[in-house]
Amino acid sequence: MPPTLVLIIGLLGLAVGSFLNVAVSRVPAGLSVVRPRSACPHCATPIAPRDNIPVVSWLLLGRRCRACRVPIPARYPLIEALTAALFAAEALRFGPSETLPAELVFTAGLLALAACDAEHFLLPKRLVYPTLGLTAACLLAAAAATGQWDRLGMAAACGTGGFAVFFALHWVRPAWLGFGDVRLAGLLGTGLGWLGPWYLVFALLAGSVAGLLVGIALMTAGRATRQTRLPFGVFLAAGAVAALLVGAPVVHWYETAGDPYAPAASLTPVRDLP
């Protein structure tokens, strides 16, 4: 992909990250993401356009509200910068393919959900369902443009399968998984299933191992016990992003293990993935 286009997509990520911050702040409280306009949550002063530039305004303001000087949480520039970085990385990973819009939408939704889970231990269906619908619509458009209807079918099957497996776990032991995690599993299956079922397996394993290691580290440091809640959605989202960006070589290695004549894995383009 041309560097200029990667830069443009990265800048788009900054703008999307700014919107994600609004969603993370308002959706858990049941508020609209459209109205009213953004304002300081402490003094209710509307945020001027010059103070609403992603990352830059936070730095120029000295990390404080211009009106009341209350500190602005670091979550705002972090989400904006992370969204920009992931958008640029996925532009490099997928190239100018029909799949790229779906994975950008998928990733943006995962970031918002992870932030909500980290702050509120909540995976709002008002974020899960729109992300699922937009991702599915983009994949449908990709299938129509490329004729890869088998990939669309696999995405639907993985979405259904992920939801079913997590629903069964939730039904057996509700304390293990909240229903938000069940919905999230369906979203992960849809977003990753286009690439293949093993990408979903990679994401679930990576997320589970990451959560386990973090839990062990916190207990070792005396900052958590076996009863301490962890935002599992954060780790599942991280595993899904890892599957998108670096999962291809791992999946390729697994699928071709023992075959000395198998071609080397390639991260791009997506249409050539195993």
Protein backbone atom coordinates (compact mmCIF):
# COMPACT_ATOMS: atom_id res chain seq x y z
CA MET A 1 0.00 0.00 0.00
CA PRO A 2 1.36 3.49 -0.84
CA PRO A 3 2.77 5.27 2.25
CA THR A 4 0.48 8.25 1.63
CA LEU A 5 -2.59 6.03 1.86
CA VAL A 6 -1.27 4.41 5.05
CA LEU A 7 -0.84 7.89 6.52
CA ILE A 8 -4.38 8.87 5.51
CA ILE A 9 -5.80 5.74 7.11
CA GLY A 10 -3.76 6.45 10.25
CA LEU A 11 -5.19 9.98 10.41
CA LEU A 12 -8.65 8.49 9.93
CA GLY A 13 -7.85 6.34 12.95
CA LEU A 14 -7.19 9.47 15.03
CA ALA A 15 -10.64 10.83 14.15
CA VAL A 16 -12.30 7.46 14.79
CA GLY A 17 -10.47 7.21 18.11
CA SER A 18 -11.92 10.56 19.15
CA PHE A 19 -15.42 9.23 18.44
CA LEU A 20 -14.64 6.02 20.33
CA ASN A 21 -13.82 8.11 23.40
CA VAL A 22 -17.29 9.64 23.20
CA ALA A 23 -18.84 6.18 22.93
CA VAL A 24 -16.84 4.83 25.87
CA SER A 25 -17.88 7.78 28.03
CA ARG A 26 -21.57 7.83 27.10
CA VAL A 27 -22.78 4.36 26.09
CA PRO A 28 -22.29 2.71 29.53
CA ALA A 29 -24.35 5.56 31.01
CA GLY A 30 -27.13 5.06 28.45
CA LEU A 31 -26.48 8.43 26.78
CA SER A 32 -26.56 9.36 23.09
CA VAL A 33 -23.25 9.49 21.24
CA VAL A 34 -24.59 12.25 18.99
CA ARG A 35 -26.11 14.84 21.34
CA PRO A 36 -25.26 16.96 23.20
CA ARG A 37 -21.91 18.14 21.89
CA SER A 38 -18.78 17.14 23.78
CA ALA A 39 -18.22 18.95 27.07
CA CYS A 40 -16.02 18.70 30.13
CA PRO A 41 -17.59 16.06 32.42
CA HIS A 42 -16.58 18.12 35.48
CA CYS A 43 -17.64 21.71 34.66
CA ALA A 44 -19.90 20.98 31.63
CA THR A 45 -18.12 23.61 29.51
CA PRO A 46 -18.53 22.71 25.80
CA ILE A 47 -15.25 21.70 24.19
CA ALA A 48 -14.16 24.18 21.53
CA PRO A 49 -13.05 22.83 18.13
CA ARG A 50 -9.48 23.95 18.81
CA ASP A 51 -9.47 21.81 21.96
CA ASN A 52 -10.86 18.76 20.18
CA ILE A 53 -7.90 17.85 17.97
CA PRO A 54 -6.96 14.23 18.73
CA VAL A 55 -3.85 13.88 20.94
CA VAL A 56 -2.53 17.34 20.03
CA SER A 57 -5.11 19.29 22.05
CA TRP A 58 -4.50 17.12 25.12
CA LEU A 59 -0.79 17.96 24.97
CA LEU A 60 -1.28 21.68 24.28
CA LEU A 61 -3.75 22.00 27.14
CA GLY A 62 -1.25 20.52 29.54
CA ARG A 63 -3.58 17.54 30.06
CA ARG A 64 -6.18 19.76 31.77
CA CYS A 65 -9.56 21.28 30.92
CA ARG A 66 -9.13 24.84 29.65
CA ALA A 67 -12.01 26.09 31.82
CA CYS A 68 -11.77 24.31 35.19
CA ARG A 69 -8.21 22.89 34.97
CA VAL A 70 -9.35 19.45 36.06
CA PRO A 71 -6.99 16.76 34.64
CA ILE A 72 -8.15 15.09 31.43
CA PRO A 73 -7.77 11.29 31.73
CA ALA A 74 -4.93 9.78 29.71
CA ARG A 75 -7.45 7.34 28.26
CA TYR A 76 -8.48 9.95 25.67
CA PRO A 77 -5.14 10.37 23.84
CA LEU A 78 -4.26 6.71 24.38
CA ILE A 79 -7.35 5.46 22.53
CA GLU A 80 -6.85 8.03 19.77
CA ALA A 81 -3.18 7.12 19.29
CA LEU A 82 -3.84 3.38 19.54
CA THR A 83 -6.65 3.55 16.99
CA ALA A 84 -4.40 5.46 14.58
CA ALA A 85 -1.54 2.98 15.06
CA LEU A 86 -3.76 -0.07 14.55
CA PHE A 87 -5.46 1.43 11.50
CA ALA A 88 -2.05 2.11 9.92
CA ALA A 89 -0.80 -1.37 10.84
CA GLU A 90 -3.86 -3.00 9.30
CA ALA A 91 -3.48 -0.88 6.17
CA LEU A 92 0.00 -2.36 5.82
CA ARG A 93 -1.22 -5.84 6.72
CA PHE A 94 -4.23 -6.06 4.39
CA GLY A 95 -3.21 -3.60 1.68
CA PRO A 96 -5.80 -1.98 -0.60
CA SER A 97 -8.06 -5.03 -0.37
CA GLU A 98 -11.82 -5.34 -0.13
CA THR A 99 -11.36 -6.81 3.36
CA LEU A 100 -9.70 -3.76 4.90
CA PRO A 101 -12.88 -1.73 5.68
CA ALA A 102 -14.42 -4.66 7.57
CA GLU A 103 -11.34 -5.20 9.71
CA LEU A 104 -11.00 -1.48 10.46
CA VAL A 105 -14.61 -1.36 11.67
CA PHE A 106 -14.06 -4.58 13.61
CA THR A 107 -10.92 -3.21 15.29
CA ALA A 108 -12.53 0.12 16.20
CA GLY A 109 -15.42 -1.68 17.87
CA LEU A 110 -13.03 -3.94 19.78
CA LEU A 111 -11.12 -0.94 21.12
CA ALA A 112 -14.31 0.71 22.39
CA LEU A 113 -15.48 -2.52 23.98
CA ALA A 114 -12.12 -3.16 25.61
CA ALA A 115 -12.07 0.34 27.09
CA CYS A 116 -15.62 -0.08 28.45
CA ASP A 117 -14.72 -3.41 29.98
CA ALA A 118 -11.55 -2.01 31.54
CA GLU A 119 -13.38 0.95 33.09
CA HIS A 120 -16.81 -0.50 33.90
CA PHE A 121 -16.55 -4.31 33.60
CA LEU A 122 -19.19 -3.95 30.92
CA LEU A 123 -19.45 -4.99 27.26
CA PRO A 124 -22.49 -2.98 26.14
CA LYS A 125 -24.72 -4.56 23.53
CA ARG A 126 -25.18 -1.02 22.17
CA LEU A 127 -21.56 -1.34 21.02
CA VAL A 128 -21.43 -5.06 20.22
CA TYR A 129 -24.42 -5.15 17.88
CA PRO A 130 -23.57 -2.06 15.77
CA THR A 131 -19.99 -3.32 15.40
CA LEU A 132 -21.28 -6.75 14.39
CA GLY A 133 -23.75 -5.28 11.91
CA LEU A 134 -21.23 -2.94 10.28
CA THR A 135 -18.54 -5.64 10.12
CA ALA A 136 -20.98 -8.11 8.54
CA ALA A 137 -22.15 -5.47 6.02
CA CYS A 138 -18.55 -4.72 5.01
CA LEU A 139 -17.80 -8.44 4.64
CA LEU A 140 -20.92 -8.86 2.52
CA ALA A 141 -19.70 -6.05 0.27
CA ALA A 142 -16.26 -7.70 0.09
CA ALA A 143 -17.82 -11.04 -0.88
CA ALA A 144 -19.94 -9.36 -3.56
CA ALA A 145 -16.89 -7.55 -4.97
CA THR A 146 -14.57 -10.58 -4.98
CA GLY A 147 -16.95 -13.50 -5.33
CA GLN A 148 -15.51 -15.10 -2.18
CA TRP A 149 -18.85 -16.23 -0.80
CA ASP A 150 -17.20 -19.19 0.89
CA ARG A 151 -15.28 -16.77 3.13
CA LEU A 152 -18.52 -14.99 4.02
CA GLY A 153 -20.09 -18.33 4.90
CA MET A 154 -17.09 -19.17 7.07
CA ALA A 155 -17.39 -15.82 8.86
CA ALA A 156 -21.06 -16.55 9.59
CA ALA A 157 -20.24 -20.07 10.77
CA CYS A 158 -17.42 -18.89 13.04
CA GLY A 159 -19.60 -16.14 14.48
CA THR A 160 -22.35 -18.65 15.24
CA GLY A 161 -19.87 -21.18 16.59
CA GLY A 162 -18.09 -18.69 18.84
CA PHE A 163 -21.39 -17.52 20.27
CA ALA A 164 -22.61 -21.09 20.82
CA VAL A 165 -19.45 -22.24 22.61
CA PHE A 166 -19.37 -19.25 24.94
CA PHE A 167 -23.12 -19.50 25.52
CA ALA A 168 -22.63 -23.11 26.64
CA LEU A 169 -19.85 -22.05 29.02
CA HIS A 170 -22.03 -19.26 30.37
CA TRP A 171 -24.95 -21.64 30.86
CA VAL A 172 -22.80 -24.19 32.72
CA ARG A 173 -20.96 -21.66 34.87
CA PRO A 174 -22.35 -18.10 34.72
CA ALA A 175 -19.62 -17.00 37.13
CA TRP A 176 -16.99 -17.81 34.53
CA LEU A 177 -18.33 -15.63 31.74
CA GLY A 178 -20.80 -12.78 31.59
CA PHE A 179 -23.25 -12.68 28.70
CA GLY A 180 -21.31 -9.72 27.29
CA ASP A 181 -18.42 -12.14 26.69
CA VAL A 182 -20.85 -14.45 24.87
CA ARG A 183 -21.88 -11.65 22.51
CA LEU A 184 -18.23 -10.66 22.08
CA ALA A 185 -17.33 -14.22 21.04
CA GLY A 186 -19.91 -14.02 18.26
CA LEU A 187 -18.39 -10.74 17.10
CA LEU A 188 -14.87 -12.21 17.17
CA GLY A 189 -15.97 -15.18 15.11
CA THR A 190 -17.55 -12.94 12.49
CA GLY A 191 -14.62 -10.55 12.24
CA LEU A 192 -11.96 -13.27 12.11
CA GLY A 193 -13.89 -16.03 10.35
CA TRP A 194 -13.36 -14.44 6.94
CA LEU A 195 -9.66 -15.24 7.34
CA GLY A 196 -10.34 -18.77 8.55
CA PRO A 197 -11.50 -20.62 11.69
CA TRP A 198 -7.98 -21.00 13.07
CA TYR A 199 -7.69 -17.24 13.40
CA LEU A 200 -10.58 -17.35 15.85
CA VAL A 201 -8.93 -20.20 17.74
CA PHE A 202 -5.68 -18.19 17.82
CA ALA A 203 -7.51 -15.15 19.22
CA LEU A 204 -9.33 -17.10 21.93
CA LEU A 205 -6.20 -18.94 23.01
CA ALA A 206 -4.03 -15.82 22.98
CA GLY A 207 -6.62 -13.83 24.92
CA SER A 208 -7.12 -16.59 27.49
CA VAL A 209 -3.38 -17.09 28.02
CA ALA A 210 -2.84 -13.34 28.35
CA GLY A 211 -5.63 -13.09 30.92
CA LEU A 212 -4.23 -16.05 32.85
CA LEU A 213 -0.71 -14.61 32.92
CA VAL A 214 -1.93 -11.18 34.04
CA GLY A 215 -4.03 -12.80 36.78
CA ILE A 216 -1.06 -14.84 38.01
CA ALA A 217 1.19 -11.77 37.97
CA LEU A 218 -1.33 -9.72 39.98
CA MET A 219 -1.77 -12.49 42.54
CA THR A 220 2.00 -12.93 42.84
CA ALA A 221 2.34 -9.20 43.49
CA GLY A 222 -0.41 -9.36 46.12
CA ARG A 223 -2.71 -7.07 44.13
CA ALA A 224 -5.38 -9.67 43.40
CA THR A 225 -6.89 -12.90 44.71
CA ARG A 226 -8.66 -15.80 43.02
CA GLN A 227 -11.92 -13.91 43.50
CA THR A 228 -10.70 -10.69 41.87
CA ARG A 229 -12.58 -9.83 38.67
CA LEU A 230 -10.59 -9.24 35.52
CA PRO A 231 -11.99 -7.59 32.38
CA PHE A 232 -11.82 -10.69 30.17
CA GLY A 233 -13.12 -8.72 27.20
CA VAL A 234 -9.89 -6.71 27.16
CA PHE A 235 -7.84 -9.86 26.68
CA LEU A 236 -10.18 -11.30 24.05
CA ALA A 237 -10.01 -8.05 22.10
CA ALA A 238 -6.21 -8.04 22.33
CA GLY A 239 -6.10 -11.64 21.13
CA ALA A 240 -8.31 -10.76 18.16
CA VAL A 241 -6.10 -7.83 17.14
CA ALA A 242 -3.03 -10.06 17.47
CA ALA A 243 -4.72 -12.65 15.23
CA LEU A 244 -5.39 -9.99 12.60
CA LEU A 245 -1.88 -8.58 12.57
CA VAL A 246 0.43 -11.52 13.30
CA GLY A 247 -1.75 -14.62 13.22
CA ALA A 248 -1.01 -15.63 9.63
CA PRO A 249 2.44 -17.18 10.20
CA VAL A 250 1.19 -19.12 13.25
CA VAL A 251 -1.89 -20.40 11.44
CA HIS A 252 0.17 -21.26 8.37
CA TRP A 253 2.70 -23.15 10.51
CA TYR A 254 -0.06 -25.15 12.18
CA GLU A 255 -1.86 -25.98 8.95
CA THR A 256 1.32 -27.05 7.15
CA ALA A 257 3.12 -28.76 10.05
CA GLY A 258 4.95 -31.80 8.73
CA ASP A 259 4.72 -30.70 5.09
CA PRO A 260 8.26 -29.77 3.94
CA TYR A 261 6.96 -28.60 0.56
CA ALA A 262 4.43 -26.09 1.89
CA PRO A 263 5.04 -22.49 0.73
CA ALA A 264 6.13 -19.89 3.26
CA ALA A 265 3.44 -17.85 4.98
CA SER A 266 2.72 -14.35 3.72
CA LEU A 267 0.98 -11.61 5.66
CA THR A 268 -0.38 -9.95 2.52
CA PRO A 269 -2.46 -9.90 0.48
CA VAL A 270 -5.40 -11.47 2.29
CA ARG A 271 -6.82 -13.19 -0.77
CA ASP A 272 -3.67 -15.35 -0.87
CA LEU A 273 -3.88 -16.46 2.78
CA PRO A 274 -4.34 -20.16 3.48
